[in-house]
PDB file of N, CA and C in Angstrom:
ATOM      1  N   UNK A   1     223.396 256.855   7.079  1.00  0.00           N
ATOM      2  CA  UNK A   1     224.428 256.338   6.210  1.00  0.00           C
ATOM      3  C   UNK A   1     224.951 255.023   6.754  1.00  0.00           C
ATOM      4  N   UNK A   2     225.037 254.079   5.894  1.00  0.00           N
ATOM      5  CA  UNK A   2     225.537 252.793   6.325  1.00  0.00           C
ATOM      6  C   UNK A   2     227.056 252.804   6.326  1.00  0.00           C
ATOM      7  N   UNK A   3     227.630 252.176   7.351  1.00  0.00           N
ATOM      8  CA  UNK A   3     229.083 252.083   7.415  1.00  0.00           C
ATOM      9  C   UNK A   3     229.746 253.347   7.912  1.00  0.00           C
ATOM     10  N   UNK A   4     228.981 254.317   8.372  1.00  0.00           N
ATOM     11  CA  UNK A   4     229.587 255.559   8.854  1.00  0.00           C
ATOM     12  C   UNK A   4     230.076 255.370  10.288  1.00  0.00           C
ATOM     13  N   UNK A   5     231.344 255.650  10.486  1.00  0.00           N
ATOM     14  CA  UNK A   5     231.927 255.671  11.821  1.00  0.00           C
ATOM     15  C   UNK A   5     232.332 257.102  12.093  1.00  0.00           C
ATOM     16  N   UNK A   6     232.209 257.546  13.282  1.00  0.00           N
ATOM     17  CA  UNK A   6     232.427 258.952  13.595  1.00  0.00           C
ATOM     18  C   UNK A   6     233.709 259.491  12.944  1.00  0.00           C
ATOM     19  N   UNK A   7     234.013 260.715  13.191  1.00  0.00           N
ATOM     20  CA  UNK A   7     235.090 261.375  12.455  1.00  0.00           C
ATOM     21  C   UNK A   7     236.463 260.752  12.699  1.00  0.00           C
ATOM     22  N   UNK A   8     236.616 259.978  13.753  1.00  0.00           N
ATOM     23  CA  UNK A   8     237.901 259.344  14.032  1.00  0.00           C
ATOM     24  C   UNK A   8     238.076 258.029  13.279  1.00  0.00           C
ATOM     25  N   UNK A   9     237.042 257.530  12.698  1.00  0.00           N
ATOM     26  CA  UNK A   9     237.118 256.290  11.959  1.00  0.00           C
ATOM     27  C   UNK A   9     236.916 255.055  12.831  1.00  0.00           C
ATOM     28  N   UNK A  10     236.662 255.236  14.103  1.00  0.00           N
ATOM     29  CA  UNK A  10     236.458 254.122  15.028  1.00  0.00           C
ATOM     30  C   UNK A  10     235.079 254.234  15.642  1.00  0.00           C
ATOM     31  N   UNK A  11     234.436 253.122  15.715  1.00  0.00           N
ATOM     32  CA  UNK A  11     233.172 253.054  16.431  1.00  0.00           C
ATOM     33  C   UNK A  11     233.517 252.931  17.916  1.00  0.00           C
ATOM     34  N   UNK A  12     232.798 253.610  18.782  1.00  0.00           N
ATOM     35  CA  UNK A  12     233.116 253.570  20.215  1.00  0.00           C
ATOM     36  C   UNK A  12     232.997 252.153  20.771  1.00  0.00           C
ATOM     37  N   UNK A  13     232.085 251.346  20.237  1.00  0.00           N
ATOM     38  CA  UNK A  13     231.950 249.968  20.704  1.00  0.00           C
ATOM     39  C   UNK A  13     233.175 249.150  20.344  1.00  0.00           C
ATOM     40  N   UNK A  14     233.753 249.403  19.199  1.00  0.00           N
ATOM     41  CA  UNK A  14     234.965 248.684  18.804  1.00  0.00           C
ATOM     42  C   UNK A  14     236.100 248.993  19.777  1.00  0.00           C
ATOM     43  N   UNK A  15     236.205 250.242  20.176  1.00  0.00           N
ATOM     44  CA  UNK A  15     237.248 250.635  21.121  1.00  0.00           C
ATOM     45  C   UNK A  15     237.031 249.981  22.483  1.00  0.00           C
ATOM     46  N   UNK A  16     235.799 249.943  22.942  1.00  0.00           N
ATOM     47  CA  UNK A  16     235.497 249.323  24.232  1.00  0.00           C
ATOM     48  C   UNK A  16     235.826 247.831  24.204  1.00  0.00           C
ATOM     49  N   UNK A  17     235.443 247.153  23.140  1.00  0.00           N
ATOM     50  CA  UNK A  17     235.717 245.719  23.023  1.00  0.00           C
ATOM     51  C   UNK A  17     237.218 245.466  22.979  1.00  0.00           C
ATOM     52  N   UNK A  18     237.955 246.315  22.280  1.00  0.00           N
ATOM     53  CA  UNK A  18     239.412 246.143  22.207  1.00  0.00           C
ATOM     54  C   UNK A  18     240.066 246.314  23.577  1.00  0.00           C
ATOM     55  N   UNK A  19     239.480 247.084  24.453  1.00  0.00           N
ATOM     56  CA  UNK A  19     240.029 247.280  25.787  1.00  0.00           C
ATOM     57  C   UNK A  19     239.548 246.216  26.772  1.00  0.00           C
ATOM     58  N   UNK A  20     238.342 245.712  26.589  1.00  0.00           N
ATOM     59  CA  UNK A  20     237.755 244.765  27.531  1.00  0.00           C
ATOM     60  C   UNK A  20     238.291 243.351  27.324  1.00  0.00           C
ATOM     61  N   UNK A  21     238.515 242.914  26.093  1.00  0.00           N
ATOM     62  CA  UNK A  21     238.973 241.543  25.840  1.00  0.00           C
ATOM     63  C   UNK A  21     240.286 241.213  26.539  1.00  0.00           C
ATOM     64  N   UNK A  22     241.308 242.056  26.478  1.00  0.00           N
ATOM     65  CA  UNK A  22     242.532 241.723  27.227  1.00  0.00           C
ATOM     66  C   UNK A  22     242.297 241.637  28.735  1.00  0.00           C
ATOM     67  N   UNK A  23     241.409 242.473  29.260  1.00  0.00           N
ATOM     68  CA  UNK A  23     241.093 242.405  30.692  1.00  0.00           C
ATOM     69  C   UNK A  23     240.387 241.101  31.045  1.00  0.00           C
ATOM     70  N   UNK A  24     239.462 240.672  30.196  1.00  0.00           N
ATOM     71  CA  UNK A  24     238.785 239.399  30.433  1.00  0.00           C
ATOM     72  C   UNK A  24     239.747 238.223  30.321  1.00  0.00           C
ATOM     73  N   UNK A  25     240.649 238.281  29.371  1.00  0.00           N
ATOM     74  CA  UNK A  25     241.646 237.215  29.216  1.00  0.00           C
ATOM     75  C   UNK A  25     242.566 237.155  30.433  1.00  0.00           C
ATOM     76  N   UNK A  26     243.020 238.306  30.909  1.00  0.00           N
ATOM     77  CA  UNK A  26     243.881 238.341  32.095  1.00  0.00           C
ATOM     78  C   UNK A  26     243.140 237.819  33.323  1.00  0.00           C
ATOM     79  N   UNK A  27     241.871 238.162  33.472  1.00  0.00           N
ATOM     80  CA  UNK A  27     241.082 237.679  34.608  1.00  0.00           C
ATOM     81  C   UNK A  27     240.896 236.165  34.545  1.00  0.00           C
ATOM     82  N   UNK A  28     240.694 235.626  33.352  1.00  0.00           N
ATOM     83  CA  UNK A  28     240.534 234.177  33.204  1.00  0.00           C
ATOM     84  C   UNK A  28     241.827 233.449  33.545  1.00  0.00           C
ATOM     85  N   UNK A  29     242.958 233.962  33.092  1.00  0.00           N
ATOM     86  CA  UNK A  29     244.254 233.344  33.408  1.00  0.00           C
ATOM     87  C   UNK A  29     244.502 233.398  34.910  1.00  0.00           C
ATOM     88  N   UNK A  30     244.221 234.550  35.528  1.00  0.00           N
ATOM     89  CA  UNK A  30     244.417 234.677  36.979  1.00  0.00           C
ATOM     90  C   UNK A  30     243.532 233.681  37.727  1.00  0.00           C
ATOM     91  N   UNK A  31     242.283 233.517  37.284  1.00  0.00           N
ATOM     92  CA  UNK A  31     241.368 232.596  37.965  1.00  0.00           C
ATOM     93  C   UNK A  31     241.853 231.154  37.873  1.00  0.00           C
ATOM     94  N   UNK A  32     242.341 230.754  36.713  1.00  0.00           N
ATOM     95  CA  UNK A  32     242.855 229.385  36.555  1.00  0.00           C
ATOM     96  C   UNK A  32     244.053 229.163  37.466  1.00  0.00           C
ATOM     97  N   UNK A  33     244.958 230.110  37.525  1.00  0.00           N
ATOM     98  CA  UNK A  33     246.137 229.977  38.392  1.00  0.00           C
ATOM     99  C   UNK A  33     245.727 229.941  39.861  1.00  0.00           C
ATOM    100  N   UNK A  34     244.808 230.801  40.256  1.00  0.00           N
ATOM    101  CA  UNK A  34     244.373 230.859  41.653  1.00  0.00           C
ATOM    102  C   UNK A  34     243.671 229.572  42.078  1.00  0.00           C
ATOM    103  N   UNK A  35     242.906 228.969  41.185  1.00  0.00           N
ATOM    104  CA  UNK A  35     242.170 227.754  41.524  1.00  0.00           C
ATOM    105  C   UNK A  35     243.088 226.537  41.580  1.00  0.00           C
ATOM    106  N   UNK A  36     244.039 226.466  40.667  1.00  0.00           N
ATOM    107  CA  UNK A  36     244.870 225.268  40.580  1.00  0.00           C
ATOM    108  C   UNK A  36     246.103 225.314  41.477  1.00  0.00           C
ATOM    109  N   UNK A  37     246.451 226.448  42.014  1.00  0.00           N
ATOM    110  CA  UNK A  37     247.632 226.552  42.867  1.00  0.00           C
ATOM    111  C   UNK A  37     247.390 225.843  44.197  1.00  0.00           C
ATOM    112  N   UNK A  38     248.404 225.123  44.657  1.00  0.00           N
ATOM    113  CA  UNK A  38     248.309 224.415  45.935  1.00  0.00           C
ATOM    114  C   UNK A  38     248.441 225.433  47.058  1.00  0.00           C
ATOM    115  N   UNK A  39     247.495 225.460  47.949  1.00  0.00           N
ATOM    116  CA  UNK A  39     247.467 226.471  49.014  1.00  0.00           C
ATOM    117  C   UNK A  39     248.575 226.310  50.045  1.00  0.00           C
ATOM    118  N   UNK A  40     249.095 225.091  50.231  1.00  0.00           N
ATOM    119  CA  UNK A  40     250.109 224.877  51.260  1.00  0.00           C
ATOM    120  C   UNK A  40     251.507 225.213  50.785  1.00  0.00           C
ATOM    121  N   UNK A  41     251.689 225.508  49.530  1.00  0.00           N
ATOM    122  CA  UNK A  41     252.999 225.887  49.023  1.00  0.00           C
ATOM    123  C   UNK A  41     253.880 224.715  48.671  1.00  0.00           C
ATOM    124  N   UNK A  42     253.371 223.482  48.719  1.00  0.00           N
ATOM    125  CA  UNK A  42     254.197 222.322  48.411  1.00  0.00           C
ATOM    126  C   UNK A  42     254.622 222.344  46.952  1.00  0.00           C
ATOM    127  N   UNK A  43     253.742 222.793  46.078  1.00  0.00           N
ATOM    128  CA  UNK A  43     254.088 222.827  44.665  1.00  0.00           C
ATOM    129  C   UNK A  43     255.163 223.858  44.362  1.00  0.00           C
ATOM    130  N   UNK A  44     255.343 224.831  45.234  1.00  0.00           N
ATOM    131  CA  UNK A  44     256.362 225.846  45.004  1.00  0.00           C
ATOM    132  C   UNK A  44     257.722 225.416  45.550  1.00  0.00           C
ATOM    133  N   UNK A  45     257.848 224.189  46.036  1.00  0.00           N
ATOM    134  CA  UNK A  45     259.133 223.690  46.494  1.00  0.00           C
ATOM    135  C   UNK A  45     259.321 223.763  48.001  1.00  0.00           C
ATOM    136  N   UNK A  46     258.368 224.279  48.736  1.00  0.00           N
ATOM    137  CA  UNK A  46     258.473 224.376  50.186  1.00  0.00           C
ATOM    138  C   UNK A  46     257.753 223.172  50.774  1.00  0.00           C
ATOM    139  N   UNK A  47     258.519 222.212  51.266  1.00  0.00           N
ATOM    140  CA  UNK A  47     257.934 220.990  51.820  1.00  0.00           C
ATOM    141  C   UNK A  47     257.623 221.175  53.307  1.00  0.00           C
ATOM    142  N   UNK A  48     256.652 220.422  53.775  1.00  0.00           N
ATOM    143  CA  UNK A  48     256.279 220.454  55.183  1.00  0.00           C
ATOM    144  C   UNK A  48     257.306 219.657  55.981  1.00  0.00           C
ATOM    145  N   UNK A  49     257.847 220.264  57.032  1.00  0.00           N
ATOM    146  CA  UNK A  49     258.828 219.571  57.866  1.00  0.00           C
ATOM    147  C   UNK A  49     258.103 218.602  58.791  1.00  0.00           C
ATOM    148  N   UNK A  50     258.822 217.631  59.354  1.00  0.00           N
ATOM    149  CA  UNK A  50     258.184 216.704  60.291  1.00  0.00           C
ATOM    150  C   UNK A  50     257.557 217.416  61.506  1.00  0.00           C
ATOM    151  N   UNK A  51     258.220 218.463  61.999  1.00  0.00           N
ATOM    152  CA  UNK A  51     257.638 219.200  63.133  1.00  0.00           C
ATOM    153  C   UNK A  51     256.357 219.922  62.727  1.00  0.00           C
ATOM    154  N   UNK A  52     256.328 220.452  61.517  1.00  0.00           N
ATOM    155  CA  UNK A  52     255.106 221.090  61.027  1.00  0.00           C
ATOM    156  C   UNK A  52     253.971 220.078  60.915  1.00  0.00           C
ATOM    157  N   UNK A  53     254.287 218.890  60.415  1.00  0.00           N
ATOM    158  CA  UNK A  53     253.271 217.842  60.293  1.00  0.00           C
ATOM    159  C   UNK A  53     252.767 217.428  61.666  1.00  0.00           C
ATOM    160  N   UNK A  54     253.675 217.348  62.631  1.00  0.00           N
ATOM    161  CA  UNK A  54     253.289 216.975  63.996  1.00  0.00           C
ATOM    162  C   UNK A  54     252.385 218.049  64.601  1.00  0.00           C
ATOM    163  N   UNK A  55     252.757 219.318  64.413  1.00  0.00           N
ATOM    164  CA  UNK A  55     251.930 220.419  64.930  1.00  0.00           C
ATOM    165  C   UNK A  55     250.539 220.403  64.292  1.00  0.00           C
ATOM    166  N   UNK A  56     250.494 220.156  62.983  1.00  0.00           N
ATOM    167  CA  UNK A  56     249.214 220.112  62.280  1.00  0.00           C
ATOM    168  C   UNK A  56     248.341 218.975  62.805  1.00  0.00           C
ATOM    169  N   UNK A  57     248.937 217.790  63.033  1.00  0.00           N
ATOM    170  CA  UNK A  57     248.173 216.645  63.550  1.00  0.00           C
ATOM    171  C   UNK A  57     247.648 216.925  64.959  1.00  0.00           C
ATOM    172  N   UNK A  58     248.476 217.586  65.783  1.00  0.00           N
ATOM    173  CA  UNK A  58     248.037 217.926  67.135  1.00  0.00           C
ATOM    174  C   UNK A  58     246.914 218.965  67.081  1.00  0.00           C
ATOM    175  N   UNK A  59     247.052 219.944  66.206  1.00  0.00           N
ATOM    176  CA  UNK A  59     246.021 220.980  66.083  1.00  0.00           C
ATOM    177  C   UNK A  59     244.709 220.400  65.572  1.00  0.00           C
ATOM    178  N   UNK A  60     244.782 219.390  64.716  1.00  0.00           N
ATOM    179  CA  UNK A  60     243.568 218.750  64.191  1.00  0.00           C
ATOM    180  C   UNK A  60     242.945 217.789  65.187  1.00  0.00           C
ATOM    181  N   UNK A  61     243.649 217.460  66.272  1.00  0.00           N
ATOM    182  CA  UNK A  61     243.132 216.532  67.266  1.00  0.00           C
ATOM    183  C   UNK A  61     243.392 215.081  66.926  1.00  0.00           C
ATOM    184  N   UNK A  62     244.305 214.825  65.989  1.00  0.00           N
ATOM    185  CA  UNK A  62     244.622 213.449  65.603  1.00  0.00           C
ATOM    186  C   UNK A  62     245.433 212.731  66.679  1.00  0.00           C
ATOM    187  N   UNK A  63     246.214 213.486  67.450  1.00  0.00           N
ATOM    188  CA  UNK A  63     247.047 212.889  68.506  1.00  0.00           C
ATOM    189  C   UNK A  63     246.815 213.647  69.804  1.00  0.00           C
ATOM    190  N   UNK A  64     247.124 212.983  70.920  1.00  0.00           N
ATOM    191  CA  UNK A  64     246.955 213.608  72.234  1.00  0.00           C
ATOM    192  C   UNK A  64     248.162 214.482  72.549  1.00  0.00           C
ATOM    193  N   UNK A  65     248.040 215.235  73.646  1.00  0.00           N
ATOM    194  CA  UNK A  65     249.133 216.104  74.049  1.00  0.00           C
ATOM    195  C   UNK A  65     250.365 215.281  74.427  1.00  0.00           C
ATOM    196  N   UNK A  66     250.161 214.169  75.102  1.00  0.00           N
ATOM    197  CA  UNK A  66     251.291 213.327  75.502  1.00  0.00           C
ATOM    198  C   UNK A  66     251.995 212.759  74.265  1.00  0.00           C
ATOM    199  N   UNK A  67     251.217 212.281  73.299  1.00  0.00           N
ATOM    200  CA  UNK A  67     251.818 211.769  72.063  1.00  0.00           C
ATOM    201  C   UNK A  67     252.580 212.879  71.336  1.00  0.00           C
ATOM    202  N   UNK A  68     252.011 214.084  71.347  1.00  0.00           N
ATOM    203  CA  UNK A  68     252.670 215.216  70.708  1.00  0.00           C
ATOM    204  C   UNK A  68     254.007 215.523  71.373  1.00  0.00           C
ATOM    205  N   UNK A  69     253.999 215.594  72.711  1.00  0.00           N
ATOM    206  CA  UNK A  69     255.223 215.923  73.433  1.00  0.00           C
ATOM    207  C   UNK A  69     256.301 214.852  73.250  1.00  0.00           C
ATOM    208  N   UNK A  70     255.900 213.593  73.269  1.00  0.00           N
ATOM    209  CA  UNK A  70     256.865 212.509  73.067  1.00  0.00           C
ATOM    210  C   UNK A  70     257.464 212.566  71.660  1.00  0.00           C
ATOM    211  N   UNK A  71     256.612 212.732  70.681  1.00  0.00           N
ATOM    212  CA  UNK A  71     257.096 212.775  69.300  1.00  0.00           C
ATOM    213  C   UNK A  71     257.958 214.008  69.060  1.00  0.00           C
ATOM    214  N   UNK A  72     257.570 215.146  69.632  1.00  0.00           N
ATOM    215  CA  UNK A  72     258.368 216.357  69.487  1.00  0.00           C
ATOM    216  C   UNK A  72     259.741 216.183  70.123  1.00  0.00           C
ATOM    217  N   UNK A  73     259.766 215.543  71.277  1.00  0.00           N
ATOM    218  CA  UNK A  73     261.047 215.288  71.925  1.00  0.00           C
ATOM    219  C   UNK A  73     261.942 214.397  71.085  1.00  0.00           C
ATOM    220  N   UNK A  74     261.369 213.384  70.473  1.00  0.00           N
ATOM    221  CA  UNK A  74     262.148 212.484  69.618  1.00  0.00           C
ATOM    222  C   UNK A  74     262.664 213.252  68.401  1.00  0.00           C
ATOM    223  N   UNK A  75     261.811 214.052  67.800  1.00  0.00           N
ATOM    224  CA  UNK A  75     262.221 214.794  66.611  1.00  0.00           C
ATOM    225  C   UNK A  75     263.286 215.842  66.918  1.00  0.00           C
ATOM    226  N   UNK A  76     263.204 216.441  68.079  1.00  0.00           N
ATOM    227  CA  UNK A  76     264.196 217.442  68.460  1.00  0.00           C
ATOM    228  C   UNK A  76     265.402 216.832  69.174  1.00  0.00           C
ATOM    229  N   UNK A  77     265.407 215.510  69.345  1.00  0.00           N
ATOM    230  CA  UNK A  77     266.472 214.795  70.035  1.00  0.00           C
ATOM    231  C   UNK A  77     266.629 215.220  71.478  1.00  0.00           C
ATOM    232  N   UNK A  78     265.563 215.748  72.079  1.00  0.00           N
ATOM    233  CA  UNK A  78     265.588 216.097  73.495  1.00  0.00           C
ATOM    234  C   UNK A  78     265.408 214.845  74.349  1.00  0.00           C
ATOM    235  N   UNK A  79     264.625 213.926  73.873  1.00  0.00           N
ATOM    236  CA  UNK A  79     264.329 212.722  74.632  1.00  0.00           C
ATOM    237  C   UNK A  79     264.664 211.540  73.728  1.00  0.00           C
ATOM    238  N   UNK A  80     265.449 210.644  74.258  1.00  0.00           N
ATOM    239  CA  UNK A  80     265.747 209.455  73.464  1.00  0.00           C
ATOM    240  C   UNK A  80     264.644 208.424  73.668  1.00  0.00           C
ATOM    241  N   UNK A  81     264.496 207.522  72.742  1.00  0.00           N
ATOM    242  CA  UNK A  81     263.485 206.482  72.869  1.00  0.00           C
ATOM    243  C   UNK A  81     263.877 205.522  73.983  1.00  0.00           C
ATOM    244  N   UNK A  82     262.862 205.095  74.681  1.00  0.00           N
ATOM    245  CA  UNK A  82     263.117 204.123  75.740  1.00  0.00           C
ATOM    246  C   UNK A  82     263.347 202.764  75.125  1.00  0.00           C
ATOM    247  N   UNK A  83     264.373 202.093  75.556  1.00  0.00           N
ATOM    248  CA  UNK A  83     264.626 200.736  75.068  1.00  0.00           C
ATOM    249  C   UNK A  83     264.012 199.757  76.024  1.00  0.00           C
ATOM    250  N   UNK A  84     263.367 198.790  75.496  1.00  0.00           N
ATOM    251  CA  UNK A  84     262.702 197.807  76.344  1.00  0.00           C
ATOM    252  C   UNK A  84     263.397 196.482  76.260  1.00  0.00           C
TER     253      UNK A  84
END
């Protein structure tokens, strides 16, 4: 018989599709948010402090230990700059 759907009036494939589409839509939205979100949290309003930037530069090897200690002292006001 053409057009016959079981006794409930729903084809099982129709029910599966109705349940799967919202899940696929939610997964797509989650993927877009996960990909576009800034990993460092700057977009969420949390800015990197100068000490954090200094620590990151030292960890990356951009500055030496002496440069790190001098800059940290200046930032923490432990050591004043030498006047020449």
